[in-house]
Every structure is written in structure tokens, then in C-alpha cells.
């Protein structure tokens, strides 16, 4: 990833804030560096915050702070009676960013929609293999097989033809991977022999455009003066990359940043009493889990997976890691999402029964394994290292010796996607409010080699979630997803660890900020007094 010459010192940022300059600058103390600036290539929320949520738009979008869908780059859409044809009428007059390297000669149109999806779908597309050509969301959701063709019906009408009905299709179009990019810009870079710049120097239609980036330090944006919904209230947006939560809090206290994510649970009481900080909170649409690599022995045996579930003291994890800001998880979807199955019972914490199951599986004396622990804080896991240590101690009580392993965040995601782990701590925050976004993306057969870190393909489960995809009736879909949760629990490809409360400390001078149910951080609609 390139480095720009742009740098911003903490002192300069603080001076700009305190001086009350006419141009408004909002500073967000982000938790890490993005993997890149093309959201279709990645899955991490850190990357989406830096790219899709500031720079790009999608055909449909979620009303800020909610799971309600509304028009985006498409002003309207319609669905055929058989549920297999989706027609989008596109918004006219939408401008792409003008940057130091690109001046658009036309407005957004159907060509940009087709380019953005066909790049992900077609091996023959000139950009398919650029930047590694890994489209994890698109592939995990089986979009390549689902979308049979995309037709242009004039400059402002696009038709998606599907192989079968897909109940969550419109909601999926609001997800980060479905961000729309400029075909004209792509063609210009390809002609210049520098297509890789497309994913490093992004051009979108969104409320902010990228001005400069220094890895592990700063991302700088300026407001898009031609944004179709109106120019943002803030003129400049700065991501001050600050991996340590204690340092983020210190910066927030001193006015060196306005908003910070993922506070330490131990700091919440102090934040609540700070008269300069508004501690916002809501129940998260998330789940934190430990996935077993079910393609590696002994995790190929369901009894081993069940035993290790029984050996984890979740209450101890909630106390030690979440410090009251989370609750033990039973199902792979959060209780805030429709179709959650209240009747599913979690595995009891029972060391003797766990030992008995290991003996039945032929590993009575235990075995050696690893636990991969994330290097960053996430909304579903504020301290993965500490969580891994608790699980390590629990498993040792039944003779399972686990080594804790970690990597830099981008490397961690890459290696775990490739299945190098034996067990791995990860989690998920919903993208669109649909159960399919958890059950199919994280546990479906097409997600292996992508978001399915359990490498788990179980046909009875797969049949249920695939049937739910093609069923329009919500009541029937609910029944299918509830059955799928029962199968998941019996097969135990994960230890479902916790659902967290999401806390967002925001300085009092910030107005209009809303917590996203999807865990993202959006700054359009935000102002500073």
C-alpha cells in the first residue's frame, strides 16, 4: 500500500480544534489502518470505515442509525413476480470526485454499476485480477452464480437477472462490497498501465474524498462539494490511527480527537462521569466466536467440538473481558435480529462431561492445538488476547494444551481465510439486518476460503439456509433459520462466545452523530458546534 507525503501532527490537529477555525475539521481516532481503499476486496470494518462509508455510495443504503433501507444511487427499484429480475432506476446528476489525478467527463451512470459488479463476477473482466482479485463477500454470498447477467437499459436503468429468487437481494445491495466505482477512472488507469492505482487512490461519489494517507498514522479527507445529498457540514475529516484504546481515550479527553471507537470496558465508568464526553451506547448486532477448523483433526469429530464448548466458562469471559458490557452467546446470530431461536440451549460448563466426550472421540489424554487471537479491538471482542488466555486455561483443565498465536490484523485475516489456523477468535457485526448475512456468509458452504473460518460445510444446515434464501415469506424464512440454528448448535463448528453492547464516546461539541447498528462509523450528517 502506498504512502503519501501527507502527515498531520497531534499538535496541529489539537490547534485546529481549539482555535475554532472557520473550516470545520472532525478528527476520528480510528483503531487501525485499512487494508486498502476498495471495499469489494476486503471484509474488515476498519477498512469499510476508511473506504465505503466515506468515499463511496451503493444502489440502496440504510437510513443512518437504522436497518431501514432507502434509495441510494438508485432512485427506485422493482422486482418481477418470479423474484428473479431486479430493475434499478438510477439517480441522475450524480458526480464522481474530481481529484488531482482524475477529472470526470460524465456523471454516474449504468456503466459504472455494471463495471463494479462484473469486476467481481467475471474472470475475464480486465480488472478482475487487479490487486489480487479476492472478492470475499461477493464469493461467500455466492453472488457469482446467483447473478446470471446484468443488462443496461439506457444510461439510467440497470437490470439484474438472477438464477433463482433471493429474498435478501435488495438488502445485500446496501452492503459495503456493493459500492459503485467509476468505470471512466478505471479505463483511464488501465490505458496508462497503472490499474493498481484504482484501489489505492479511490474515486467515488460519496460525501468525502481521499486527500492523503500515511499507513499507521493518518488518513485525510475533504468534503465533496458536489455530493448529491448536499455538502457535508464538516469540511475536513481526519482519521488519526491510534491502536491503543487508552491512548484514544487520552486524545479524546484532550480534544485531540472528537470520536473514538471500542473503549476499554474498564474506562466506561469514568467516561460516563466526564462532562466533556457523551458516552453513547446500544445493543450490538454482533457475535464474537471461536471457530474450529473442522477440516483439521481432531476438530473433524463433532464430539471434540462439543467437548471444547463444554470446557469454556463463558461467564468468566464476560467478567474478565467484557466487564459487564456483553452477554454470553448461544446462537450464531444476535438476539436483536429476527428469527433468533430462543429455544436453543447452550452447552453447559461441565468439565467431566467434556472429558468423557474426548475419551469417546479417542483423545482421552488430550492434545495440543492453537488459539489465534486478534491483535485489534473489535465491537464483539474488546480484548482477544485476554479471551484466548481464559479459554487456554479452561481447556488445560481437560488436557488440551493450546498455544496462543497472533499476527498483524491484515495478515491475521489473510492467513485465517486460507485455513492456517486450528482454532481462531473472530466475530461479526451484521451488514444488512438479515439472518442470511450471518448464517450463509459465515457458515455456508460457499464461504469456505472466505468468511467461513470454520471451513464447515454441513449439508442439512446448507439445505435450510438455501431454502430460506429463495423464500419470500418472512414467517417461513424464520422457521427455516430457527431450524438451522438447532443444527448449528448440535454440530458445534464454533464456540459462540458473546454479544456485546456497543459504546461510542463522542465529545459534547459533536452534533448529529449516530451509532450504526452495523458497527460502522459514518460522518455525513455530523456537525461540530
Protein backbone atom coordinates (compact mmCIF):
# COMPACT_ATOMS: atom_id res chain seq x y z
CA UNK A 1 0.00 0.00 0.00
CA UNK A 2 1.39 3.39 -0.99
CA UNK A 3 2.36 6.07 1.47
CA UNK A 4 1.66 9.72 0.75
CA UNK A 5 3.82 12.61 1.88
CA UNK A 6 0.93 13.93 3.96
CA UNK A 7 1.32 13.94 7.74
CA UNK A 8 -0.69 15.56 10.48
CA UNK A 9 0.80 16.09 13.91
CA UNK A 10 -1.31 15.75 17.01
CA UNK A 11 -0.41 19.31 17.94
CA UNK A 12 -1.70 20.68 14.64
CA UNK A 13 -4.95 18.73 14.96
CA UNK A 14 -5.47 19.96 18.52
CA UNK A 15 -4.72 23.53 17.46
CA UNK A 16 -7.25 23.35 14.64
CA UNK A 17 -9.91 22.05 17.02
CA UNK A 18 -9.26 24.53 19.81
CA UNK A 19 -8.86 27.55 17.54
CA UNK A 20 -12.35 27.12 16.15
CA UNK A 21 -11.23 27.76 12.57
CA UNK A 22 -13.93 28.59 10.06
CA UNK A 23 -13.29 25.38 8.13
CA UNK A 24 -14.61 22.60 10.37
CA UNK A 25 -12.31 19.62 10.97
CA UNK A 26 -13.55 16.45 12.66
CA UNK A 27 -10.92 14.01 13.94
CA UNK A 28 -11.79 10.35 14.40
CA UNK A 29 -9.32 8.27 16.43
CA UNK A 30 -9.57 5.02 14.47
CA UNK A 31 -8.29 1.71 15.82
CA UNK A 32 -6.14 0.61 12.87
CA UNK A 33 -5.02 1.05 9.30
CA UNK A 34 -7.28 -0.04 6.45
CA UNK A 35 -6.23 -2.97 4.29
CA UNK A 36 -6.90 -0.81 1.23
CA UNK A 37 -9.49 1.59 -0.19
CA UNK A 38 -11.62 -0.73 -2.33
CA UNK A 39 -14.28 -2.29 -0.06
CA UNK A 40 -15.08 -5.09 -2.52
CA UNK A 41 -11.66 -6.62 -1.83
CA UNK A 42 -11.94 -6.84 1.97
CA UNK A 43 -14.24 -7.65 4.90
CA UNK A 44 -12.87 -5.72 7.90
CA UNK A 45 -14.90 -2.90 9.43
CA UNK A 46 -11.72 -0.85 9.78
CA UNK A 47 -11.36 -0.90 6.01
CA UNK A 48 -15.04 -0.14 5.40
CA UNK A 49 -14.86 2.86 7.74
CA UNK A 50 -11.98 4.28 5.71
CA UNK A 51 -13.43 3.50 2.28
CA UNK A 52 -17.06 2.60 1.57
CA UNK A 53 -18.57 4.59 4.43
CA UNK A 54 -16.90 7.88 3.46
CA UNK A 55 -15.87 7.67 -0.21
CA UNK A 56 -18.50 5.54 -1.98
CA UNK A 57 -22.24 5.02 -2.35
CA UNK A 58 -24.35 1.99 -3.21
CA UNK A 59 -27.55 1.48 -5.18
CA UNK A 60 -29.51 1.35 -1.93
CA UNK A 61 -28.48 2.46 1.54
CA UNK A 62 -29.55 2.13 5.15
CA UNK A 63 -31.09 5.12 6.83
CA UNK A 64 -28.43 6.50 9.14
CA UNK A 65 -28.51 4.78 12.52
CA UNK A 66 -31.05 2.12 11.46
CA UNK A 67 -31.56 -1.07 9.43
CA UNK A 68 -34.25 0.60 7.26
CA UNK A 69 -33.47 0.56 3.54
CA UNK A 70 -33.83 3.69 1.42
CA UNK A 71 -32.81 4.76 -2.11
CA UNK A 72 -29.15 5.48 -2.74
CA UNK A 73 -27.66 5.75 -6.22
CA UNK A 74 -30.83 4.03 -7.39
CA UNK A 75 -33.83 6.32 -7.02
CA UNK A 76 -36.22 3.35 -7.20
CA UNK A 77 -36.35 -0.38 -7.96
CA UNK A 78 -38.85 -3.07 -8.88
CA UNK A 79 -38.91 -6.88 -8.68
CA UNK A 80 -40.51 -9.29 -11.14
CA UNK A 81 -43.29 -11.59 -9.98
CA UNK A 82 -41.00 -14.62 -10.03
CA UNK A 83 -38.42 -12.81 -7.86
CA UNK A 84 -35.61 -13.29 -10.37
CA UNK A 85 -35.41 -9.89 -12.11
CA UNK A 86 -34.50 -6.67 -10.29
CA UNK A 87 -34.73 -3.38 -12.19
CA UNK A 88 -32.99 -0.32 -10.75
CA UNK A 89 -33.75 3.21 -11.95
CA UNK A 90 -30.60 5.26 -11.36
CA UNK A 91 -30.32 8.72 -9.92
CA UNK A 92 -29.34 11.39 -12.47
CA UNK A 93 -26.83 14.19 -11.97
CA UNK A 94 -24.56 12.33 -9.51
CA UNK A 95 -20.93 13.47 -9.77
CA UNK A 96 -17.79 11.43 -9.22
CA UNK A 97 -14.97 13.06 -7.23
CA UNK A 98 -12.57 15.35 -9.04
CA UNK A 99 -9.06 14.63 -7.72
CA UNK A 100 -5.52 15.66 -8.55
CA UNK A 101 -5.30 12.63 -10.85
CA UNK A 102 -8.79 12.45 -12.32
CA UNK A 103 -11.40 14.83 -13.69
CA UNK A 104 -14.63 13.04 -14.72
CA UNK A 105 -16.17 13.97 -18.07
CA UNK A 106 -19.60 12.47 -17.32
CA UNK A 107 -21.98 11.81 -14.45
CA UNK A 108 -22.52 8.44 -12.76
CA UNK A 109 -24.50 6.04 -14.97
CA UNK A 110 -25.31 2.40 -15.70
CA UNK A 111 -21.81 1.65 -17.00
CA UNK A 112 -20.39 2.24 -13.51
CA UNK A 113 -22.86 -0.19 -11.92
CA UNK A 114 -22.07 -2.92 -14.43
CA UNK A 115 -18.32 -2.33 -14.08
CA UNK A 116 -18.44 -2.52 -10.26
CA UNK A 117 -20.27 -5.87 -10.18
CA UNK A 118 -18.76 -7.53 -13.26
CA UNK A 119 -15.26 -6.89 -11.93
CA UNK A 120 -16.17 -9.16 -9.02
CA UNK A 121 -18.12 -11.70 -11.06
CA UNK A 122 -16.19 -12.32 -14.27
CA UNK A 123 -12.74 -13.89 -14.53
CA UNK A 124 -12.49 -12.30 -17.98
CA UNK A 125 -13.03 -8.76 -16.69
CA UNK A 126 -9.86 -6.65 -17.19
CA UNK A 127 -9.87 -5.61 -13.50
CA UNK A 128 -10.83 -8.98 -12.00
CA UNK A 129 -7.28 -9.96 -11.01
CA UNK A 130 -6.04 -6.44 -10.19
CA UNK A 131 -4.95 -6.10 -6.53
CA UNK A 132 -5.11 -9.86 -6.05
CA UNK A 133 -8.67 -10.33 -7.25
CA UNK A 134 -10.08 -11.63 -3.94
CA UNK A 135 -13.78 -10.74 -3.52
CA UNK A 136 -14.59 -12.41 -0.22
CA UNK A 137 -18.08 -11.04 0.37
CA UNK A 138 -19.19 -11.49 -3.24
CA UNK A 139 -17.93 -15.07 -3.31
CA UNK A 140 -19.06 -16.04 0.20
CA UNK A 141 -22.57 -14.93 -0.71
CA UNK A 142 -22.41 -16.96 -3.95
CA UNK A 143 -23.22 -13.82 -5.92
CA UNK A 144 -21.30 -15.02 -8.98
CA UNK A 145 -23.69 -17.94 -9.52
CA UNK A 146 -26.73 -16.01 -8.35
CA UNK A 147 -26.35 -13.12 -10.84
CA UNK A 148 -26.65 -14.61 -14.31
CA UNK A 149 -26.41 -11.29 -16.17
CA UNK A 150 -26.58 -7.52 -15.74
CA UNK A 151 -28.22 -5.52 -18.53
CA UNK A 152 -28.05 -1.84 -19.37
CA UNK A 153 -31.41 -0.45 -20.50
CA UNK A 154 -30.28 3.07 -21.31
CA UNK A 155 -27.88 5.18 -19.26
CA UNK A 156 -30.05 5.19 -16.16
CA UNK A 157 -31.67 1.75 -15.96
CA UNK A 158 -29.91 -1.45 -14.90
CA UNK A 159 -31.47 -4.93 -14.75
CA UNK A 160 -30.03 -7.74 -12.61
CA UNK A 161 -31.12 -11.21 -13.73
CA UNK A 162 -30.86 -13.92 -11.06
CA UNK A 163 -30.66 -17.69 -11.35
CA UNK A 164 -33.21 -18.07 -8.54
CA UNK A 165 -35.20 -15.86 -6.17
CA UNK A 166 -33.05 -14.27 -3.45
CA UNK A 167 -35.04 -12.84 -0.54
CA UNK A 168 -32.23 -10.66 0.89
CA UNK A 169 -31.04 -9.32 -2.51
CA UNK A 170 -32.05 -5.67 -2.01
CA UNK A 171 -30.56 -5.61 1.50
CA UNK A 172 -27.37 -7.12 0.08
CA UNK A 173 -27.16 -4.27 -2.42
CA UNK A 174 -26.74 -1.89 0.52
CA UNK A 175 -23.62 -3.68 1.79
CA UNK A 176 -20.11 -2.28 1.54
CA UNK A 177 -18.88 -4.74 -1.12
CA UNK A 178 -21.59 -3.37 -3.46
CA UNK A 179 -20.04 0.12 -3.58
CA UNK A 180 -20.17 1.73 -7.01
CA UNK A 181 -16.95 2.91 -8.66
CA UNK A 182 -16.06 4.89 -11.76
CA UNK A 183 -15.59 2.92 -14.97
CA UNK A 184 -14.19 6.03 -16.65
CA UNK A 185 -11.45 6.30 -13.99
CA UNK A 186 -10.70 2.57 -14.32
CA UNK A 187 -10.39 2.84 -18.10
CA UNK A 188 -8.04 5.83 -17.77
CA UNK A 189 -5.72 3.97 -15.38
CA UNK A 190 -5.77 0.78 -17.47
CA UNK A 191 -4.81 2.80 -20.56
CA UNK A 192 -1.93 4.35 -18.58
CA UNK A 193 -0.71 0.92 -17.49
CA UNK A 194 -1.36 1.63 -13.78
CA UNK A 195 -4.62 -0.21 -12.92
CA UNK A 196 -3.47 -0.93 -9.35
CA UNK A 197 -3.85 2.78 -8.54
CA UNK A 198 -7.60 2.31 -8.85
CA UNK A 199 -7.71 0.59 -5.44
CA UNK A 200 -5.16 2.88 -3.76
CA UNK A 201 -6.30 6.31 -4.99
CA UNK A 202 -10.08 5.84 -4.86
CA UNK A 203 -12.66 7.88 -6.75
CA UNK A 204 -16.26 7.61 -5.60
CA UNK A 205 -19.48 9.58 -5.41
CA UNK A 206 -19.58 9.74 -1.60
CA UNK A 207 -19.66 12.68 0.85
CA UNK A 208 -15.88 12.71 1.36
CA UNK A 209 -12.93 12.21 -0.92
CA UNK A 210 -9.47 10.94 -0.01
CA UNK A 211 -6.73 13.57 0.08
CA UNK A 212 -3.81 11.77 1.77
CA UNK A 213 -2.86 8.60 3.61
CA UNK A 214 0.13 7.61 5.71
CA UNK A 215 -0.08 3.99 6.86
CA UNK A 216 -0.41 3.54 10.63
CA UNK A 217 -0.60 7.31 11.09
CA UNK A 218 -3.25 9.39 9.34
CA UNK A 219 -5.96 9.41 6.68
CA UNK A 220 -7.13 12.80 5.46
CA UNK A 221 -10.38 13.54 3.61
CA UNK A 222 -12.13 16.66 2.40
CA UNK A 223 -15.86 17.09 1.88
CA UNK A 224 -17.21 16.50 -1.62
CA UNK A 225 -18.62 19.90 -2.73
CA UNK A 226 -20.79 18.19 -5.36
CA UNK A 227 -22.28 15.46 -3.19
CA UNK A 228 -25.77 14.65 -4.46
CA UNK A 229 -27.34 14.83 -0.97
CA UNK A 230 -25.62 18.16 -0.25
CA UNK A 231 -22.17 19.08 1.01
CA UNK A 232 -21.24 17.67 4.45
CA UNK A 233 -21.41 20.04 7.43
CA UNK A 234 -17.75 19.33 8.22
CA UNK A 235 -15.14 20.46 5.73
CA UNK A 236 -12.31 18.11 6.65
CA UNK A 237 -12.28 14.64 8.14
CA UNK A 238 -9.13 13.17 9.68
CA UNK A 239 -8.61 9.57 10.80
CA UNK A 240 -5.90 9.62 13.46
CA UNK A 241 -4.86 5.95 13.57
CA UNK A 242 -4.48 5.01 17.25
CA UNK A 243 -4.47 1.25 18.00
CA UNK A 244 -4.33 1.55 21.81
CA UNK A 245 -7.73 2.24 23.42
CA UNK A 246 -6.15 4.01 26.41
CA UNK A 247 -4.30 6.38 24.08
CA UNK A 248 -7.51 7.00 22.11
CA UNK A 249 -9.27 7.94 25.33
CA UNK A 250 -6.45 10.29 26.37
CA UNK A 251 -6.68 12.01 22.97
CA UNK A 252 -10.45 12.32 23.31
CA UNK A 253 -10.08 13.89 26.76
CA UNK A 254 -7.54 16.41 25.50
CA UNK A 255 -9.61 17.35 22.45
CA UNK A 256 -7.15 15.79 20.01
CA UNK A 257 -9.98 13.75 18.54
CA UNK A 258 -13.76 14.06 18.57
CA UNK A 259 -14.93 10.45 18.25
CA UNK A 260 -13.30 7.14 19.24
CA UNK A 261 -14.41 3.51 18.81
CA UNK A 262 -14.01 0.48 21.07
CA UNK A 263 -13.26 1.92 24.50
CA UNK A 264 -11.74 -0.26 27.20
CA UNK A 265 -14.61 -1.62 29.34
CA UNK A 266 -12.63 -0.52 32.41
CA UNK A 267 -12.85 3.12 31.23
CA UNK A 268 -16.64 3.25 30.79
CA UNK A 269 -17.46 4.41 34.33
CA UNK A 270 -15.01 7.31 34.04
CA UNK A 271 -16.36 8.25 30.61
CA UNK A 272 -19.93 8.38 31.95
CA UNK A 273 -18.91 10.99 34.52
CA UNK A 274 -16.83 13.11 32.11
CA UNK A 275 -18.72 16.34 31.38
CA UNK A 276 -16.89 16.77 28.05
CA UNK A 277 -17.92 13.37 26.70
CA UNK A 278 -21.23 11.90 25.59
CA UNK A 279 -21.00 8.12 26.05
CA UNK A 280 -23.45 6.71 23.51
CA UNK A 281 -24.47 3.04 23.64
CA UNK A 282 -26.78 0.44 22.11
CA UNK A 283 -27.07 -3.33 21.97
CA UNK A 284 -24.83 -4.61 19.19
CA UNK A 285 -25.93 -6.53 16.10
CA UNK A 286 -22.92 -8.78 16.58
CA UNK A 287 -21.45 -12.06 17.77
CA UNK A 288 -17.96 -12.96 18.93
CA UNK A 289 -16.91 -16.56 18.41
CA UNK A 290 -14.10 -19.10 18.36
CA UNK A 291 -14.18 -21.16 15.16
CA UNK A 292 -12.76 -24.67 14.95
CA UNK A 293 -11.09 -25.56 11.67
CA UNK A 294 -13.39 -28.51 11.01
CA UNK A 295 -11.16 -29.75 8.18
CA UNK A 296 -8.28 -30.48 10.59
CA UNK A 297 -8.20 -33.37 13.07
CA UNK A 298 -9.33 -33.72 15.79
CA UNK A 299 -11.87 -30.97 15.02
CA UNK A 300 -13.33 -33.14 12.26
CA UNK A 301 -15.03 -35.03 15.14
CA UNK A 302 -18.18 -33.32 16.42
CA UNK A 303 -17.58 -34.79 19.90
CA UNK A 304 -14.31 -32.92 20.21
CA UNK A 305 -16.00 -29.68 19.22
CA UNK A 306 -18.81 -30.28 21.71
CA UNK A 307 -16.31 -31.11 24.46
CA UNK A 308 -14.36 -27.90 23.94
CA UNK A 309 -17.64 -25.95 24.02
CA UNK A 310 -18.41 -27.52 27.42
CA UNK A 311 -14.96 -26.64 28.73
CA UNK A 312 -15.30 -22.88 28.15
CA UNK A 313 -16.53 -20.85 31.12
CA UNK A 314 -18.34 -18.06 29.31
CA UNK A 315 -19.32 -16.26 32.49
CA UNK A 316 -15.65 -15.90 33.36
CA UNK A 317 -15.03 -14.41 29.89
CA UNK A 318 -17.92 -11.94 30.26
CA UNK A 319 -16.46 -10.81 33.60
CA UNK A 320 -12.79 -10.71 32.57
CA UNK A 321 -13.04 -9.42 29.01
CA UNK A 322 -16.33 -7.54 28.69
CA UNK A 323 -16.58 -6.39 32.31
CA UNK A 324 -20.35 -6.34 32.17
CA UNK A 325 -20.63 -4.88 28.64
CA UNK A 326 -21.59 -8.17 27.00
CA UNK A 327 -23.65 -11.31 27.43
CA UNK A 328 -22.97 -14.95 26.68
CA UNK A 329 -23.93 -16.04 23.16
CA UNK A 330 -25.90 -19.19 22.40
CA UNK A 331 -26.72 -18.83 18.70
CA UNK A 332 -24.60 -17.61 15.76
CA UNK A 333 -26.95 -14.65 15.30
CA UNK A 334 -27.63 -11.93 17.89
CA UNK A 335 -30.94 -11.78 19.79
CA UNK A 336 -31.57 -8.36 18.19
CA UNK A 337 -32.15 -9.92 14.77
CA UNK A 338 -35.39 -11.54 13.58
CA UNK A 339 -35.60 -15.37 13.59
CA UNK A 340 -33.40 -15.70 16.71
CA UNK A 341 -34.25 -19.09 18.25
CA UNK A 342 -34.96 -18.63 21.96
CA UNK A 343 -35.47 -22.38 22.49
CA UNK A 344 -31.87 -23.37 21.67
CA UNK A 345 -29.94 -24.28 24.82
CA UNK A 346 -26.25 -23.50 25.18
CA UNK A 347 -23.69 -26.13 26.18
CA UNK A 348 -23.35 -26.28 29.94
CA UNK A 349 -19.96 -25.64 31.52
CA UNK A 350 -19.15 -29.24 32.50
CA UNK A 351 -15.53 -30.40 32.63
CA UNK A 352 -16.32 -34.03 33.48
CA UNK A 353 -18.72 -34.40 30.57
CA UNK A 354 -16.15 -32.71 28.31
CA UNK A 355 -13.50 -35.25 29.36
CA UNK A 356 -15.93 -38.07 28.68
CA UNK A 357 -16.61 -36.82 25.16
CA UNK A 358 -12.89 -36.54 24.44
CA UNK A 359 -12.45 -40.13 25.58
CA UNK A 360 -15.28 -41.24 23.26
CA UNK A 361 -13.52 -39.41 20.42
CA UNK A 362 -10.26 -41.27 21.10
CA UNK A 363 -8.32 -38.36 22.60
CA UNK A 364 -8.71 -39.22 26.29
CA UNK A 365 -5.29 -37.83 27.15
CA UNK A 366 -6.00 -34.55 25.40
CA UNK A 367 -3.99 -32.99 22.58
CA UNK A 368 -2.07 -29.88 21.53
CA UNK A 369 -3.63 -27.12 19.44
CA UNK A 370 -3.57 -23.36 18.98
CA UNK A 371 -5.85 -20.40 19.59
CA UNK A 372 -5.45 -17.49 17.22
CA UNK A 373 -6.12 -14.16 18.94
CA UNK A 374 -6.84 -10.90 17.11
CA UNK A 375 -4.33 -8.05 17.57
CA UNK A 376 -7.05 -5.37 17.48
CA UNK A 377 -10.17 -4.49 19.43
CA UNK A 378 -13.49 -5.16 17.78
CA UNK A 379 -17.03 -4.37 18.95
CA UNK A 380 -17.61 -8.10 19.54
CA UNK A 381 -14.28 -8.62 21.33
CA UNK A 382 -12.57 -5.82 23.27
CA UNK A 383 -9.54 -7.95 24.22
CA UNK A 384 -8.93 -11.10 22.18
CA UNK A 385 -5.62 -11.88 23.89
CA UNK A 386 -7.27 -11.92 27.31
CA UNK A 387 -10.14 -14.03 25.94
CA UNK A 388 -7.65 -16.51 24.49
CA UNK A 389 -5.89 -16.75 27.86
CA UNK A 390 -9.16 -17.58 29.65
CA UNK A 391 -10.01 -20.26 27.06
CA UNK A 392 -6.45 -21.60 27.19
CA UNK A 393 -6.72 -22.04 30.98
CA UNK A 394 -10.15 -23.68 30.66
CA UNK A 395 -9.02 -26.19 28.04
CA UNK A 396 -5.92 -27.08 30.07
CA UNK A 397 -8.29 -28.46 32.71
CA UNK A 398 -9.36 -31.23 30.29
CA UNK A 399 -5.87 -31.94 28.98
CA UNK A 400 -5.94 -29.71 25.89
CA UNK A 401 -2.77 -27.63 25.62
CA UNK A 402 -3.31 -24.54 23.43
CA UNK A 403 -0.66 -22.12 22.16
CA UNK A 404 -1.84 -18.54 21.60
CA UNK A 405 -0.87 -17.13 18.19
CA UNK A 406 -1.36 -13.67 16.72
CA UNK A 407 -0.43 -11.69 13.61
CA UNK A 408 -0.81 -8.16 12.33
CA UNK A 409 -4.52 -7.62 11.56
CA UNK A 410 -4.34 -7.82 7.77
CA UNK A 411 -2.08 -10.87 7.96
CA UNK A 412 -4.37 -12.45 10.57
CA UNK A 413 -7.36 -12.15 8.26
CA UNK A 414 -5.44 -13.39 5.23
CA UNK A 415 -3.94 -16.43 6.97
CA UNK A 416 -7.15 -17.45 8.72
CA UNK A 417 -9.08 -17.13 5.46
CA UNK A 418 -6.58 -19.61 3.99
CA UNK A 419 -7.31 -22.03 6.85
CA UNK A 420 -3.88 -21.99 8.50
CA UNK A 421 -5.40 -21.94 11.99
CA UNK A 422 -6.67 -24.78 14.15
CA UNK A 423 -8.95 -22.53 16.18
CA UNK A 424 -9.43 -18.79 15.65
CA UNK A 425 -11.11 -15.95 17.51
CA UNK A 426 -13.17 -13.71 15.29
CA UNK A 427 -16.64 -12.23 15.18
CA UNK A 428 -19.15 -10.45 13.03
CA UNK A 429 -21.27 -7.35 13.02
CA UNK A 430 -24.29 -7.58 10.74
CA UNK A 431 -24.21 -5.75 7.40
CA UNK A 432 -27.87 -5.60 6.49
CA UNK A 433 -30.15 -6.78 9.30
CA UNK A 434 -30.92 -10.12 7.59
CA UNK A 435 -30.11 -13.51 9.22
CA UNK A 436 -28.67 -14.67 5.89
CA UNK A 437 -25.82 -12.22 6.44
CA UNK A 438 -24.70 -14.29 9.44
CA UNK A 439 -25.77 -17.83 8.64
CA UNK A 440 -24.91 -18.02 4.94
CA UNK A 441 -21.88 -15.73 4.87
CA UNK A 442 -20.19 -17.16 7.97
CA UNK A 443 -21.32 -20.80 7.87
CA UNK A 444 -22.47 -21.58 4.33
CA UNK A 445 -20.50 -23.94 2.07
CA UNK A 446 -19.67 -21.17 -0.43
CA UNK A 447 -17.98 -19.22 2.38
CA UNK A 448 -15.13 -21.73 2.76
CA UNK A 449 -11.94 -19.95 1.78
CA UNK A 450 -13.68 -16.70 2.66
CA UNK A 451 -15.70 -15.68 5.70
CA UNK A 452 -16.41 -19.27 6.82
CA UNK A 453 -13.38 -19.61 9.11
CA UNK A 454 -14.72 -22.91 10.49
CA UNK A 455 -14.21 -24.35 6.99
CA UNK A 456 -17.55 -26.05 7.70
CA UNK A 457 -19.92 -27.42 5.07
CA UNK A 458 -22.78 -29.43 6.57
CA UNK A 459 -25.49 -30.35 4.10
CA UNK A 460 -28.52 -30.39 6.46
CA UNK A 461 -27.63 -26.85 7.55
CA UNK A 462 -26.87 -25.77 3.97
CA UNK A 463 -30.22 -27.07 2.72
CA UNK A 464 -32.10 -25.00 5.30
CA UNK A 465 -30.33 -21.70 4.62
CA UNK A 466 -30.54 -22.15 0.85
CA UNK A 467 -34.27 -22.81 1.07
CA UNK A 468 -34.65 -19.67 3.20
CA UNK A 469 -32.86 -17.61 0.54
CA UNK A 470 -35.47 -18.39 -2.10
CA UNK A 471 -38.48 -17.99 0.21
CA UNK A 472 -40.15 -14.59 0.18
CA UNK A 473 -42.45 -15.22 3.15
CA UNK A 474 -40.77 -13.94 6.36
CA UNK A 475 -42.70 -16.35 8.59
CA UNK A 476 -41.45 -19.34 6.59
CA UNK A 477 -37.91 -17.94 6.46
CA UNK A 478 -38.00 -17.53 10.24
CA UNK A 479 -38.88 -21.21 10.72
CA UNK A 480 -36.06 -22.31 8.44
CA UNK A 481 -33.48 -20.13 10.15
CA UNK A 482 -34.62 -21.33 13.56
CA UNK A 483 -34.14 -24.95 12.42
CA UNK A 484 -30.69 -24.02 11.07
CA UNK A 485 -29.70 -22.68 14.49
CA UNK A 486 -30.61 -26.03 16.07
CA UNK A 487 -28.42 -27.89 13.56
CA UNK A 488 -25.57 -25.42 14.12
CA UNK A 489 -25.66 -25.93 17.87
CA UNK A 490 -25.63 -29.72 17.57
CA UNK A 491 -22.68 -29.67 15.16
CA UNK A 492 -20.74 -27.01 17.13
CA UNK A 493 -18.40 -25.58 14.47
CA UNK A 494 -17.93 -22.61 16.83
CA UNK A 495 -17.85 -21.74 20.45
CA UNK A 496 -20.39 -18.89 20.43
CA UNK A 497 -18.78 -16.57 22.97
CA UNK A 498 -20.60 -13.25 23.38
CA UNK A 499 -22.78 -10.45 22.08
CA UNK A 500 -21.57 -7.04 23.17
CA UNK A 501 -23.01 -3.68 23.98
CA UNK A 502 -21.54 -1.09 21.63
CA UNK A 503 -20.20 2.08 23.25
CA UNK A 504 -19.19 5.21 21.36
CA UNK A 505 -17.55 8.04 23.34
CA UNK A 506 -18.12 11.33 21.50
CA UNK A 507 -17.10 14.82 22.55
CA UNK A 508 -20.03 17.05 23.54
CA UNK A 509 -19.35 19.56 20.75
CA UNK A 510 -20.13 16.88 18.16
CA UNK A 511 -23.75 17.04 16.99
CA UNK A 512 -25.80 14.60 14.93
CA UNK A 513 -23.58 11.53 15.35
CA UNK A 514 -25.48 8.21 15.34
CA UNK A 515 -24.32 4.72 16.25
CA UNK A 516 -24.64 2.39 13.28
CA UNK A 517 -26.30 -0.98 14.02
CA UNK A 518 -23.77 -2.42 11.56
CA UNK A 519 -20.77 -1.26 13.58
CA UNK A 520 -19.64 1.33 11.05
CA UNK A 521 -18.60 4.92 11.59
CA UNK A 522 -20.22 7.46 9.29
CA UNK A 523 -19.60 11.20 9.40
CA UNK A 524 -22.01 12.58 6.84
CA UNK A 525 -24.78 14.30 8.79
CA UNK A 526 -22.39 15.12 11.66
CA UNK A 527 -21.52 18.68 12.69
CA UNK A 528 -19.30 20.40 15.27
CA UNK A 529 -20.52 23.27 17.40
